[in-house]
Amino acid sequence: MHRISIPDTVLDAIRRQRGKLFRFERLVGPRTALVVIDLQNCFMLPGMPVEVPTAREIVPNVNRLAAAVRAAGGTVVWMKMTLEGQQESWSVFFAGDRRRATLEQLTPGALGHELYAGLDVRPDDLVVPKTRYSAFIQGSSDLDRRLRDRGVDTVIIAGTLTNVCCESSARDAMMLNYRVVFVSDANAALSDAEHNATLATVFRTFGDVETTDQVIERLVTADRELPAAGATV
């Protein structure tokens, strides 16, 4: 598991800006989605092209979050990076760095494209392909529409890589006016330095950064009075 460290200077700046550390003291279940980014075999299994060893360590926390969100009446979404047919539209990125093995493993039908077997995926969960690092950027997926159709205004971000697809998704979700919670011990990168840099960036500007335990503690069900959509509580 990553050794988490957010500089005191960042935390102090957040307190000065907001008057408190956390924006969102309650997460209302029916308006909340856990968005799990790319916990596919390509990133999870030893020897795969983009193996992230720490990603295997976060699986118990991801499963705990999924169970808690479901119990609170929320939505669980499993995003799947899908690069089939995308090489031309990513031509700048792939020029001189074609990464054939990654492209092949992130194609439907390949072992690498499948969700990791240790994840607690349920029939009522959403499984959504995306074609860009961000799940929310225009043209990547239909996630934004599907969440809005369900009345979701809060997204909890977990998955891998912390500083690539997860951070990209958190940034774009905030700019689409979602309340963003980024889970410090349910995201995984290739190093503590990369992981912590993203935590500081997200916390400073794009949302709250909390542990799995904190997120679960903040979840409430529809049995309580709901704040107005988009309100900060």
C-alpha atoms as a PDB file:
ATOM      1  CA  MET A   1       0.000   0.000   0.000  1.00  0.00           C
ATOM      2  CA  HIS A   2       1.225   3.506  -0.698  1.00  0.00           C
ATOM      3  CA  ARG A   3       2.771   5.537   2.087  1.00  0.00           C
ATOM      4  CA  ILE A   4       0.526   8.594   2.000  1.00  0.00           C
ATOM      5  CA  SER A   5       1.989  12.036   2.624  1.00  0.00           C
ATOM      6  CA  ILE A   6       0.324  15.353   1.775  1.00  0.00           C
ATOM      7  CA  PRO A   7       2.466  18.397   2.646  1.00  0.00           C
ATOM      8  CA  ASP A   8       1.302  20.568   5.545  1.00  0.00           C
ATOM      9  CA  THR A   9       1.631  23.580   3.262  1.00  0.00           C
ATOM     10  CA  VAL A  10      -1.054  22.108   1.008  1.00  0.00           C
ATOM     11  CA  LEU A  11      -3.360  21.268   3.919  1.00  0.00           C
ATOM     12  CA  ASP A  12      -2.909  24.754   5.379  1.00  0.00           C
ATOM     13  CA  ALA A  13      -3.712  26.343   2.021  1.00  0.00           C
ATOM     14  CA  ILE A  14      -6.886  24.254   1.748  1.00  0.00           C
ATOM     15  CA  ARG A  15      -8.026  25.355   5.199  1.00  0.00           C
ATOM     16  CA  ARG A  16      -7.385  29.002   4.344  1.00  0.00           C
ATOM     17  CA  GLN A  17      -9.305  28.728   1.100  1.00  0.00           C
ATOM     18  CA  ARG A  18     -12.299  26.733   2.355  1.00  0.00           C
ATOM     19  CA  GLY A  19     -12.358  27.561   6.031  1.00  0.00           C
ATOM     20  CA  LYS A  20     -12.216  23.819   6.675  1.00  0.00           C
ATOM     21  CA  LEU A  21     -10.410  20.803   5.311  1.00  0.00           C
ATOM     22  CA  PHE A  22     -13.266  18.835   3.733  1.00  0.00           C
ATOM     23  CA  ARG A  23     -15.967  20.235   1.481  1.00  0.00           C
ATOM     24  CA  PHE A  24     -18.318  17.276   1.719  1.00  0.00           C
ATOM     25  CA  GLU A  25     -19.231  16.137   5.220  1.00  0.00           C
ATOM     26  CA  ARG A  26     -22.035  13.864   3.981  1.00  0.00           C
ATOM     27  CA  LEU A  27     -22.218  11.673   0.902  1.00  0.00           C
ATOM     28  CA  VAL A  28     -25.848  10.974   0.079  1.00  0.00           C
ATOM     29  CA  GLY A  29     -26.041   7.421  -1.195  1.00  0.00           C
ATOM     30  CA  PRO A  30     -28.640   7.724  -3.986  1.00  0.00           C
ATOM     31  CA  ARG A  31     -26.751  10.692  -5.418  1.00  0.00           C
ATOM     32  CA  THR A  32     -23.362   9.033  -5.190  1.00  0.00           C
ATOM     33  CA  ALA A  33     -21.442   6.804  -7.594  1.00  0.00           C
ATOM     34  CA  LEU A  34     -18.264   4.886  -6.887  1.00  0.00           C
ATOM     35  CA  VAL A  35     -16.315   5.092 -10.147  1.00  0.00           C
ATOM     36  CA  VAL A  36     -13.597   2.429 -10.218  1.00  0.00           C
ATOM     37  CA  ILE A  37     -11.034   3.153 -12.898  1.00  0.00           C
ATOM     38  CA  ASP A  38      -9.315   0.448 -14.952  1.00  0.00           C
ATOM     39  CA  LEU A  39      -8.814  -2.367 -12.465  1.00  0.00           C
ATOM     40  CA  GLN A  40      -8.366  -4.696 -15.418  1.00  0.00           C
ATOM     41  CA  ASN A  41      -5.936  -7.564 -15.801  1.00  0.00           C
ATOM     42  CA  CYS A  42      -3.661  -5.456 -18.014  1.00  0.00           C
ATOM     43  CA  PHE A  43      -2.850  -3.381 -14.927  1.00  0.00           C
ATOM     44  CA  MET A  44      -3.308  -6.035 -12.267  1.00  0.00           C
ATOM     45  CA  LEU A  45      -1.695  -9.327 -13.272  1.00  0.00           C
ATOM     46  CA  PRO A  46       2.039  -9.983 -12.862  1.00  0.00           C
ATOM     47  CA  GLY A  47       3.866  -9.652 -16.150  1.00  0.00           C
ATOM     48  CA  MET A  48       1.152  -7.688 -17.920  1.00  0.00           C
ATOM     49  CA  PRO A  49       2.244  -4.665 -20.018  1.00  0.00           C
ATOM     50  CA  VAL A  50       1.152  -2.025 -17.494  1.00  0.00           C
ATOM     51  CA  GLU A  51       1.382  -3.981 -14.255  1.00  0.00           C
ATOM     52  CA  VAL A  52       0.805  -1.795 -11.191  1.00  0.00           C
ATOM     53  CA  PRO A  53       1.694  -4.026  -8.215  1.00  0.00           C
ATOM     54  CA  THR A  54       0.091  -1.704  -5.641  1.00  0.00           C
ATOM     55  CA  ALA A  55      -3.216  -1.974  -7.505  1.00  0.00           C
ATOM     56  CA  ARG A  56      -3.613  -5.520  -6.231  1.00  0.00           C
ATOM     57  CA  GLU A  57      -3.243  -4.253  -2.662  1.00  0.00           C
ATOM     58  CA  ILE A  58      -6.149  -1.804  -2.925  1.00  0.00           C
ATOM     59  CA  VAL A  59      -8.711  -4.423  -4.012  1.00  0.00           C
ATOM     60  CA  PRO A  60     -10.051  -5.066  -0.466  1.00  0.00           C
ATOM     61  CA  ASN A  61     -10.658  -1.345   0.028  1.00  0.00           C
ATOM     62  CA  VAL A  62     -12.335  -1.028  -3.361  1.00  0.00           C
ATOM     63  CA  ASN A  63     -14.642  -3.920  -2.514  1.00  0.00           C
ATOM     64  CA  ARG A  64     -15.468  -2.353   0.872  1.00  0.00           C
ATOM     65  CA  LEU A  65     -16.331   0.927  -0.833  1.00  0.00           C
ATOM     66  CA  ALA A  66     -18.514  -0.848  -3.382  1.00  0.00           C
ATOM     67  CA  ALA A  67     -20.446  -2.653  -0.639  1.00  0.00           C
ATOM     68  CA  ALA A  68     -20.936   0.554   1.338  1.00  0.00           C
ATOM     69  CA  VAL A  69     -22.102   2.556  -1.677  1.00  0.00           C
ATOM     70  CA  ARG A  70     -24.596  -0.135  -2.645  1.00  0.00           C
ATOM     71  CA  ALA A  71     -25.891  -0.306   0.940  1.00  0.00           C
ATOM     72  CA  ALA A  72     -26.422   3.463   0.910  1.00  0.00           C
ATOM     73  CA  GLY A  73     -28.463   3.237  -2.309  1.00  0.00           C
ATOM     74  CA  GLY A  74     -25.704   4.432  -4.626  1.00  0.00           C
ATOM     75  CA  THR A  75     -24.266   3.302  -7.946  1.00  0.00           C
ATOM     76  CA  VAL A  76     -21.093   1.284  -8.507  1.00  0.00           C
ATOM     77  CA  VAL A  77     -19.350   1.723 -11.853  1.00  0.00           C
ATOM     78  CA  TRP A  78     -16.440  -0.331 -13.184  1.00  0.00           C
ATOM     79  CA  MET A  79     -14.644   1.512 -15.985  1.00  0.00           C
ATOM     80  CA  LYS A  80     -12.691  -0.489 -18.582  1.00  0.00           C
ATOM     81  CA  MET A  81      -9.969   1.123 -20.660  1.00  0.00           C
ATOM     82  CA  THR A  82     -10.643   0.084 -24.259  1.00  0.00           C
ATOM     83  CA  LEU A  83      -8.105   0.960 -26.969  1.00  0.00           C
ATOM     84  CA  GLU A  84      -9.470  -1.054 -29.883  1.00  0.00           C
ATOM     85  CA  GLY A  85      -9.436   1.172 -32.966  1.00  0.00           C
ATOM     86  CA  GLN A  86      -8.035   4.150 -31.058  1.00  0.00           C
ATOM     87  CA  GLN A  87      -4.474   4.248 -32.381  1.00  0.00           C
ATOM     88  CA  GLU A  88      -5.266   6.811 -35.092  1.00  0.00           C
ATOM     89  CA  SER A  89      -7.225   9.109 -32.770  1.00  0.00           C
ATOM     90  CA  TRP A  90      -4.306   8.899 -30.280  1.00  0.00           C
ATOM     91  CA  SER A  91      -1.746   9.325 -33.064  1.00  0.00           C
ATOM     92  CA  VAL A  92       0.281  12.025 -31.272  1.00  0.00           C
ATOM     93  CA  PHE A  93       0.647   9.818 -28.201  1.00  0.00           C
ATOM     94  CA  PHE A  94       1.435   6.627 -30.081  1.00  0.00           C
ATOM     95  CA  ALA A  95       3.829   8.189 -32.633  1.00  0.00           C
ATOM     96  CA  GLY A  96       7.186   6.530 -32.000  1.00  0.00           C
ATOM     97  CA  ASP A  97       5.751   4.684 -28.967  1.00  0.00           C
ATOM     98  CA  ARG A  98       3.151   2.298 -30.292  1.00  0.00           C
ATOM     99  CA  ARG A  99       3.013   0.005 -27.248  1.00  0.00           C
ATOM    100  CA  ARG A 100       1.598  -2.872 -29.243  1.00  0.00           C
ATOM    101  CA  ALA A 101       1.262  -5.180 -26.242  1.00  0.00           C
ATOM    102  CA  THR A 102      -0.830  -2.632 -24.349  1.00  0.00           C
ATOM    103  CA  LEU A 103      -3.073  -1.995 -27.347  1.00  0.00           C
ATOM    104  CA  GLU A 104      -3.628  -5.707 -27.798  1.00  0.00           C
ATOM    105  CA  GLN A 105      -4.363  -6.389 -24.130  1.00  0.00           C
ATOM    106  CA  LEU A 106      -6.833  -3.497 -23.880  1.00  0.00           C
ATOM    107  CA  THR A 107      -8.950  -4.845 -26.733  1.00  0.00           C
ATOM    108  CA  PRO A 108     -12.267  -6.595 -25.931  1.00  0.00           C
ATOM    109  CA  GLY A 109     -11.761 -10.351 -25.813  1.00  0.00           C
ATOM    110  CA  ALA A 110      -8.185 -10.126 -24.560  1.00  0.00           C
ATOM    111  CA  LEU A 111      -7.306 -11.336 -21.067  1.00  0.00           C
ATOM    112  CA  GLY A 112      -5.917  -7.912 -20.181  1.00  0.00           C
ATOM    113  CA  HIS A 113      -9.200  -6.184 -20.978  1.00  0.00           C
ATOM    114  CA  GLU A 114     -11.168  -8.174 -18.399  1.00  0.00           C
ATOM    115  CA  LEU A 115     -11.825  -6.917 -14.879  1.00  0.00           C
ATOM    116  CA  TYR A 116      -9.581  -8.428 -12.205  1.00  0.00           C
ATOM    117  CA  ALA A 117     -11.098 -11.561 -10.710  1.00  0.00           C
ATOM    118  CA  GLY A 118     -10.756 -10.355  -7.120  1.00  0.00           C
ATOM    119  CA  LEU A 119     -13.195  -7.493  -7.614  1.00  0.00           C
ATOM    120  CA  ASP A 120     -16.685  -7.855  -6.160  1.00  0.00           C
ATOM    121  CA  VAL A 121     -18.648  -6.978  -9.296  1.00  0.00           C
ATOM    122  CA  ARG A 122     -22.405  -7.398  -8.916  1.00  0.00           C
ATOM    123  CA  PRO A 123     -25.089  -7.792 -11.613  1.00  0.00           C
ATOM    124  CA  ASP A 124     -26.664  -4.400 -10.858  1.00  0.00           C
ATOM    125  CA  ASP A 125     -23.355  -2.548 -11.164  1.00  0.00           C
ATOM    126  CA  LEU A 126     -22.483  -0.640 -14.321  1.00  0.00           C
ATOM    127  CA  VAL A 127     -19.563  -1.797 -16.468  1.00  0.00           C
ATOM    128  CA  VAL A 128     -18.620   1.024 -18.832  1.00  0.00           C
ATOM    129  CA  PRO A 129     -15.881   1.101 -21.497  1.00  0.00           C
ATOM    130  CA  LYS A 130     -13.855   4.265 -22.017  1.00  0.00           C
ATOM    131  CA  THR A 131     -11.478   5.221 -24.795  1.00  0.00           C
ATOM    132  CA  ARG A 132      -9.495   7.987 -23.090  1.00  0.00           C
ATOM    133  CA  TYR A 133      -7.648   8.315 -19.803  1.00  0.00           C
ATOM    134  CA  SER A 134     -10.529  10.341 -18.367  1.00  0.00           C
ATOM    135  CA  ALA A 135     -13.890   8.648 -17.974  1.00  0.00           C
ATOM    136  CA  PHE A 136     -15.608  12.031 -18.305  1.00  0.00           C
ATOM    137  CA  ILE A 137     -13.879  13.819 -21.173  1.00  0.00           C
ATOM    138  CA  GLN A 138     -16.028  14.295 -24.270  1.00  0.00           C
ATOM    139  CA  GLY A 139     -16.078  11.202 -26.469  1.00  0.00           C
ATOM    140  CA  SER A 140     -14.499   8.855 -23.921  1.00  0.00           C
ATOM    141  CA  SER A 141     -17.658   7.165 -22.629  1.00  0.00           C
ATOM    142  CA  ASP A 142     -21.331   7.705 -21.893  1.00  0.00           C
ATOM    143  CA  LEU A 143     -20.690   7.749 -18.136  1.00  0.00           C
ATOM    144  CA  ASP A 144     -21.754  11.369 -17.606  1.00  0.00           C
ATOM    145  CA  ARG A 145     -25.156  10.786 -19.206  1.00  0.00           C
ATOM    146  CA  ARG A 146     -25.725   7.533 -17.336  1.00  0.00           C
ATOM    147  CA  LEU A 147     -24.917   9.103 -13.981  1.00  0.00           C
ATOM    148  CA  ARG A 148     -27.075  12.163 -14.593  1.00  0.00           C
ATOM    149  CA  ASP A 149     -29.962   9.909 -15.630  1.00  0.00           C
ATOM    150  CA  ARG A 150     -29.658   8.346 -12.154  1.00  0.00           C
ATOM    151  CA  GLY A 151     -29.557  11.710 -10.368  1.00  0.00           C
ATOM    152  CA  VAL A 152     -25.909  11.325  -9.358  1.00  0.00           C
ATOM    153  CA  ASP A 153     -24.051  14.498  -8.388  1.00  0.00           C
ATOM    154  CA  THR A 154     -21.190  12.985  -6.359  1.00  0.00           C
ATOM    155  CA  VAL A 155     -18.428  10.683  -7.601  1.00  0.00           C
ATOM    156  CA  ILE A 156     -15.966   8.698  -5.510  1.00  0.00           C
ATOM    157  CA  ILE A 157     -12.839   7.912  -7.526  1.00  0.00           C
ATOM    158  CA  ALA A 158     -10.827   4.725  -6.998  1.00  0.00           C
ATOM    159  CA  GLY A 159      -8.599   2.605  -9.224  1.00  0.00           C
ATOM    160  CA  THR A 160      -5.380   2.928 -11.218  1.00  0.00           C
ATOM    161  CA  LEU A 161      -3.230   4.706 -12.180  1.00  0.00           C
ATOM    162  CA  THR A 162      -3.635   7.390  -9.549  1.00  0.00           C
ATOM    163  CA  ASN A 163      -1.793  10.042 -11.529  1.00  0.00           C
ATOM    164  CA  VAL A 164      -3.110   9.188 -14.990  1.00  0.00           C
ATOM    165  CA  CYS A 165      -6.642   7.884 -15.554  1.00  0.00           C
ATOM    166  CA  CYS A 166      -7.852   8.472 -11.996  1.00  0.00           C
ATOM    167  CA  GLU A 167      -6.570  12.034 -11.767  1.00  0.00           C
ATOM    168  CA  SER A 168      -7.806  12.824 -15.282  1.00  0.00           C
ATOM    169  CA  SER A 169     -11.273  11.541 -14.380  1.00  0.00           C
ATOM    170  CA  ALA A 170     -11.364  13.496 -11.119  1.00  0.00           C
ATOM    171  CA  ARG A 171     -10.378  16.739 -12.829  1.00  0.00           C
ATOM    172  CA  ASP A 172     -12.985  16.409 -15.564  1.00  0.00           C
ATOM    173  CA  ALA A 173     -15.713  15.318 -13.158  1.00  0.00           C
ATOM    174  CA  MET A 174     -15.165  18.449 -11.077  1.00  0.00           C
ATOM    175  CA  MET A 175     -15.306  20.625 -14.201  1.00  0.00           C
ATOM    176  CA  LEU A 176     -18.631  18.989 -15.064  1.00  0.00           C
ATOM    177  CA  ASN A 177     -19.880  20.126 -11.615  1.00  0.00           C
ATOM    178  CA  TYR A 178     -19.729  16.796  -9.799  1.00  0.00           C
ATOM    179  CA  ARG A 179     -18.729  16.682  -6.153  1.00  0.00           C
ATOM    180  CA  VAL A 180     -15.482  14.689  -6.229  1.00  0.00           C
ATOM    181  CA  VAL A 181     -14.041  12.478  -3.507  1.00  0.00           C
ATOM    182  CA  PHE A 182     -10.674  10.844  -4.264  1.00  0.00           C
ATOM    183  CA  VAL A 183      -9.817   7.851  -2.070  1.00  0.00           C
ATOM    184  CA  SER A 184      -6.211   7.951  -0.876  1.00  0.00           C
ATOM    185  CA  ASP A 185      -5.945   4.241  -0.037  1.00  0.00           C
ATOM    186  CA  ALA A 186      -8.057   2.927  -2.921  1.00  0.00           C
ATOM    187  CA  ASN A 187      -5.997   4.375  -5.769  1.00  0.00           C
ATOM    188  CA  ALA A 188      -2.685   3.003  -6.994  1.00  0.00           C
ATOM    189  CA  ALA A 189       0.297   4.379  -8.894  1.00  0.00           C
ATOM    190  CA  LEU A 190       3.759   3.115  -9.758  1.00  0.00           C
ATOM    191  CA  SER A 191       5.419   5.060  -6.933  1.00  0.00           C
ATOM    192  CA  ASP A 192       4.562   6.849  -3.702  1.00  0.00           C
ATOM    193  CA  ALA A 193       5.865  10.107  -5.189  1.00  0.00           C
ATOM    194  CA  GLU A 194       3.461   9.998  -8.145  1.00  0.00           C
ATOM    195  CA  HIS A 195       0.572   8.917  -5.920  1.00  0.00           C
ATOM    196  CA  ASN A 196       1.110  11.678  -3.376  1.00  0.00           C
ATOM    197  CA  ALA A 197       1.609  14.370  -6.002  1.00  0.00           C
ATOM    198  CA  THR A 198      -1.871  13.600  -7.337  1.00  0.00           C
ATOM    199  CA  LEU A 199      -3.411  13.556  -3.862  1.00  0.00           C
ATOM    200  CA  ALA A 200      -2.037  17.031  -3.208  1.00  0.00           C
ATOM    201  CA  THR A 201      -3.233  18.356  -6.570  1.00  0.00           C
ATOM    202  CA  VAL A 202      -6.733  16.909  -6.290  1.00  0.00           C
ATOM    203  CA  PHE A 203      -7.173  17.997  -2.674  1.00  0.00           C
ATOM    204  CA  ARG A 204      -5.942  21.507  -3.392  1.00  0.00           C
ATOM    205  CA  THR A 205      -8.368  22.181  -6.242  1.00  0.00           C
ATOM    206  CA  PHE A 206     -10.565  19.372  -7.535  1.00  0.00           C
ATOM    207  CA  GLY A 207     -12.211  17.635  -4.575  1.00  0.00           C
ATOM    208  CA  ASP A 208     -11.795  16.011  -1.194  1.00  0.00           C
ATOM    209  CA  VAL A 209      -9.151  13.376  -0.497  1.00  0.00           C
ATOM    210  CA  GLU A 210     -10.220  10.817   2.097  1.00  0.00           C
ATOM    211  CA  THR A 211      -9.408   7.306   3.252  1.00  0.00           C
ATOM    212  CA  THR A 212     -11.718   4.361   2.666  1.00  0.00           C
ATOM    213  CA  ASP A 213     -12.833   4.491   6.308  1.00  0.00           C
ATOM    214  CA  GLN A 214     -13.634   8.203   6.076  1.00  0.00           C
ATOM    215  CA  VAL A 215     -15.695   7.753   2.914  1.00  0.00           C
ATOM    216  CA  ILE A 216     -17.708   4.913   4.422  1.00  0.00           C
ATOM    217  CA  GLU A 217     -18.318   6.943   7.567  1.00  0.00           C
ATOM    218  CA  ARG A 218     -19.654   9.881   5.525  1.00  0.00           C
ATOM    219  CA  LEU A 219     -22.114   7.832   3.457  1.00  0.00           C
ATOM    220  CA  VAL A 220     -25.764   8.294   4.425  1.00  0.00           C
ATOM    221  CA  THR A 221     -28.879   6.709   2.981  1.00  0.00           C
ATOM    222  CA  ALA A 222     -32.053   8.153   1.514  1.00  0.00           C
ATOM    223  CA  ASP A 223     -33.726   7.743   4.924  1.00  0.00           C
ATOM    224  CA  ARG A 224     -32.304  11.113   5.945  1.00  0.00           C
ATOM    225  CA  GLU A 225     -33.172  14.519   4.598  1.00  0.00           C
ATOM    226  CA  LEU A 226     -31.377  15.116   1.317  1.00  0.00           C
ATOM    227  CA  PRO A 227     -29.693  18.445   0.532  1.00  0.00           C
ATOM    228  CA  ALA A 228     -30.527  20.229  -2.688  1.00  0.00           C
ATOM    229  CA  ALA A 229     -28.765  18.795  -5.726  1.00  0.00           C
ATOM    230  CA  GLY A 230     -25.336  20.311  -6.128  1.00  0.00           C
ATOM    231  CA  ALA A 231     -25.338  21.826  -2.645  1.00  0.00           C
ATOM    232  CA  THR A 232     -22.221  21.716  -0.510  1.00  0.00           C
ATOM    233  CA  VAL A 233     -22.937  20.070   2.842  1.00  0.00           C
END
